[in-house]
Amino acid sequence: MLGLSPNYIAHGSRGSLPSAHATVMFTVALLCLLRPVLREVGAAIFAVAALTGWARIYVGAHFPADIAAGLLLAFVLATLFAGLVAGLHRLMARRGPPEMARRDSRSAAS
């Protein structure tokens, strides 16, 4: 990078904004935090994601802004995914079960 920190690991020549590590880990953590059953797991994954982000900064693989951008992108992705799932649930509730499932249940009952 710029020689601002010790070079503990070799760096690629490509840019790193946002950090893919941070984006993926924070997205999984935030999606888990949205589910009441998975909140404890989500909190643990979030902590691991934060530690991983700090480690990536420490070894000089990322700037703090790279990790922050990964967190921001993860928030956007988790929000979009949660909205998509909620929309699909509303759509399915309005439409009822698919026609094929209704036919199969009738034939199984007779």
C-alpha atoms as a PDB file:
ATOM      1  CA  MET A   1       0.000   0.000   0.000  1.00  0.00           C
ATOM      2  CA  LEU A   2       1.497   3.360   0.947  1.00  0.00           C
ATOM      3  CA  GLY A   3       3.989   2.193   3.540  1.00  0.00           C
ATOM      4  CA  LEU A   4       1.865   3.571   6.387  1.00  0.00           C
ATOM      5  CA  SER A   5       1.915   0.279   8.266  1.00  0.00           C
ATOM      6  CA  PRO A   6       4.105  -2.793   8.442  1.00  0.00           C
ATOM      7  CA  ASN A   7       3.784  -5.035   5.425  1.00  0.00           C
ATOM      8  CA  TYR A   8       2.810  -8.295   7.134  1.00  0.00           C
ATOM      9  CA  ILE A   9       1.181  -9.833   4.064  1.00  0.00           C
ATOM     10  CA  ALA A  10       1.645  -9.409   0.329  1.00  0.00           C
ATOM     11  CA  HIS A  11      -0.860  -7.058  -1.285  1.00  0.00           C
ATOM     12  CA  GLY A  12      -2.484  -7.306  -4.672  1.00  0.00           C
ATOM     13  CA  SER A  13      -2.378  -4.452  -7.134  1.00  0.00           C
ATOM     14  CA  ARG A  14      -6.177  -4.122  -7.254  1.00  0.00           C
ATOM     15  CA  GLY A  15      -8.182  -1.718  -5.124  1.00  0.00           C
ATOM     16  CA  SER A  16      -9.885  -2.828  -1.970  1.00  0.00           C
ATOM     17  CA  LEU A  17     -12.828  -0.478  -1.521  1.00  0.00           C
ATOM     18  CA  PRO A  18     -15.056  -1.873  -0.076  1.00  0.00           C
ATOM     19  CA  SER A  19     -13.515  -4.794   1.723  1.00  0.00           C
ATOM     20  CA  ALA A  20     -15.092  -8.029   0.481  1.00  0.00           C
ATOM     21  CA  HIS A  21     -14.256  -9.713   3.808  1.00  0.00           C
ATOM     22  CA  ALA A  22     -16.109  -7.026   5.735  1.00  0.00           C
ATOM     23  CA  THR A  23     -19.038  -6.913   3.320  1.00  0.00           C
ATOM     24  CA  VAL A  24     -19.704 -10.653   3.413  1.00  0.00           C
ATOM     25  CA  MET A  25     -19.187 -11.092   7.150  1.00  0.00           C
ATOM     26  CA  PHE A  26     -21.221  -8.032   8.147  1.00  0.00           C
ATOM     27  CA  THR A  27     -24.019  -8.999   5.723  1.00  0.00           C
ATOM     28  CA  VAL A  28     -24.310 -12.467   7.273  1.00  0.00           C
ATOM     29  CA  ALA A  29     -24.186 -10.946  10.770  1.00  0.00           C
ATOM     30  CA  LEU A  30     -26.871  -8.362  10.020  1.00  0.00           C
ATOM     31  CA  LEU A  31     -29.156 -10.935   8.396  1.00  0.00           C
ATOM     32  CA  CYS A  32     -28.796 -13.145  11.474  1.00  0.00           C
ATOM     33  CA  LEU A  33     -29.507 -10.180  13.748  1.00  0.00           C
ATOM     34  CA  LEU A  34     -32.802  -9.611  11.920  1.00  0.00           C
ATOM     35  CA  ARG A  35     -34.071 -13.056  12.971  1.00  0.00           C
ATOM     36  CA  PRO A  36     -34.976 -13.285  16.671  1.00  0.00           C
ATOM     37  CA  VAL A  37     -33.906 -16.949  16.808  1.00  0.00           C
ATOM     38  CA  LEU A  38     -30.459 -16.119  15.403  1.00  0.00           C
ATOM     39  CA  ARG A  39     -29.705 -12.899  17.309  1.00  0.00           C
ATOM     40  CA  GLU A  40     -27.031 -14.426  19.550  1.00  0.00           C
ATOM     41  CA  VAL A  41     -25.318 -16.025  16.564  1.00  0.00           C
ATOM     42  CA  GLY A  42     -25.585 -12.725  14.680  1.00  0.00           C
ATOM     43  CA  ALA A  43     -23.971 -10.832  17.550  1.00  0.00           C
ATOM     44  CA  ALA A  44     -21.090 -13.322  17.611  1.00  0.00           C
ATOM     45  CA  ILE A  45     -20.622 -13.105  13.841  1.00  0.00           C
ATOM     46  CA  PHE A  46     -20.734  -9.306  14.046  1.00  0.00           C
ATOM     47  CA  ALA A  47     -17.983  -9.376  16.683  1.00  0.00           C
ATOM     48  CA  VAL A  48     -15.880 -11.689  14.511  1.00  0.00           C
ATOM     49  CA  ALA A  49     -16.492  -9.415  11.514  1.00  0.00           C
ATOM     50  CA  ALA A  50     -15.338  -6.388  13.506  1.00  0.00           C
ATOM     51  CA  LEU A  51     -12.219  -8.227  14.688  1.00  0.00           C
ATOM     52  CA  THR A  52     -11.496  -9.384  11.144  1.00  0.00           C
ATOM     53  CA  GLY A  53     -11.887  -5.816   9.907  1.00  0.00           C
ATOM     54  CA  TRP A  54      -9.502  -4.571  12.577  1.00  0.00           C
ATOM     55  CA  ALA A  55      -7.011  -7.325  11.686  1.00  0.00           C
ATOM     56  CA  ARG A  56      -7.169  -6.409   7.993  1.00  0.00           C
ATOM     57  CA  ILE A  57      -6.380  -2.802   8.916  1.00  0.00           C
ATOM     58  CA  TYR A  58      -3.606  -3.882  11.296  1.00  0.00           C
ATOM     59  CA  VAL A  59      -1.797  -5.973   8.689  1.00  0.00           C
ATOM     60  CA  GLY A  60      -2.094  -3.160   6.176  1.00  0.00           C
ATOM     61  CA  ALA A  61      -4.472  -4.898   3.771  1.00  0.00           C
ATOM     62  CA  HIS A  62      -7.147  -2.197   4.153  1.00  0.00           C
ATOM     63  CA  PHE A  63      -7.691   1.359   5.245  1.00  0.00           C
ATOM     64  CA  PRO A  64     -10.389   1.958   7.882  1.00  0.00           C
ATOM     65  CA  ALA A  65     -12.615   3.456   5.174  1.00  0.00           C
ATOM     66  CA  ASP A  66     -12.518   0.121   3.297  1.00  0.00           C
ATOM     67  CA  ILE A  67     -13.980  -1.660   6.326  1.00  0.00           C
ATOM     68  CA  ALA A  68     -16.525   1.103   6.957  1.00  0.00           C
ATOM     69  CA  ALA A  69     -17.604   0.937   3.306  1.00  0.00           C
ATOM     70  CA  GLY A  70     -17.975  -2.833   3.649  1.00  0.00           C
ATOM     71  CA  LEU A  71     -20.206  -2.333   6.691  1.00  0.00           C
ATOM     72  CA  LEU A  72     -22.284   0.275   4.843  1.00  0.00           C
ATOM     73  CA  LEU A  73     -22.680  -1.982   1.810  1.00  0.00           C
ATOM     74  CA  ALA A  74     -23.605  -4.887   4.108  1.00  0.00           C
ATOM     75  CA  PHE A  75     -26.296  -2.738   5.720  1.00  0.00           C
ATOM     76  CA  VAL A  76     -27.717  -1.845   2.292  1.00  0.00           C
ATOM     77  CA  LEU A  77     -27.636  -5.488   1.130  1.00  0.00           C
ATOM     78  CA  ALA A  78     -29.244  -6.787   4.340  1.00  0.00           C
ATOM     79  CA  THR A  79     -31.953  -4.114   4.130  1.00  0.00           C
ATOM     80  CA  LEU A  80     -32.691  -4.954   0.489  1.00  0.00           C
ATOM     81  CA  PHE A  81     -32.769  -8.676   1.213  1.00  0.00           C
ATOM     82  CA  ALA A  82     -35.047  -8.223   4.235  1.00  0.00           C
ATOM     83  CA  GLY A  83     -37.368  -6.036   2.139  1.00  0.00           C
ATOM     84  CA  LEU A  84     -37.425  -8.631  -0.631  1.00  0.00           C
ATOM     85  CA  VAL A  85     -38.277 -11.426   1.804  1.00  0.00           C
ATOM     86  CA  ALA A  86     -41.021  -9.332   3.438  1.00  0.00           C
ATOM     87  CA  GLY A  87     -42.454  -8.485   0.012  1.00  0.00           C
ATOM     88  CA  LEU A  88     -42.476 -12.136  -1.001  1.00  0.00           C
ATOM     89  CA  HIS A  89     -44.218 -13.070   2.242  1.00  0.00           C
ATOM     90  CA  ARG A  90     -46.908 -10.430   1.633  1.00  0.00           C
ATOM     91  CA  LEU A  91     -47.357 -11.582  -1.973  1.00  0.00           C
ATOM     92  CA  MET A  92     -47.666 -15.219  -0.966  1.00  0.00           C
ATOM     93  CA  ALA A  93     -50.146 -14.356   1.805  1.00  0.00           C
ATOM     94  CA  ARG A  94     -52.381 -12.522  -0.689  1.00  0.00           C
ATOM     95  CA  ARG A  95     -52.225 -15.196  -3.378  1.00  0.00           C
ATOM     96  CA  GLY A  96     -52.566 -18.207  -1.129  1.00  0.00           C
ATOM     97  CA  PRO A  97     -50.879 -21.527  -1.807  1.00  0.00           C
ATOM     98  CA  PRO A  98     -49.953 -22.359  -5.404  1.00  0.00           C
ATOM     99  CA  GLU A  99     -52.612 -24.133  -7.484  1.00  0.00           C
ATOM    100  CA  MET A 100     -50.517 -27.274  -7.843  1.00  0.00           C
ATOM    101  CA  ALA A 101     -50.243 -27.645  -4.074  1.00  0.00           C
ATOM    102  CA  ARG A 102     -54.048 -27.348  -3.754  1.00  0.00           C
ATOM    103  CA  ARG A 103     -54.580 -30.070  -6.353  1.00  0.00           C
ATOM    104  CA  ASP A 104     -52.065 -32.404  -4.687  1.00  0.00           C
ATOM    105  CA  SER A 105     -53.691 -31.969  -1.279  1.00  0.00           C
ATOM    106  CA  ARG A 106     -57.163 -32.745  -2.726  1.00  0.00           C
ATOM    107  CA  SER A 107     -55.968 -35.902  -4.449  1.00  0.00           C
ATOM    108  CA  ALA A 108     -54.156 -37.066  -1.315  1.00  0.00           C
ATOM    109  CA  ALA A 109     -57.303 -36.588   0.779  1.00  0.00           C
ATOM    110  CA  SER A 110     -59.404 -38.831  -1.479  1.00  0.00           C
END
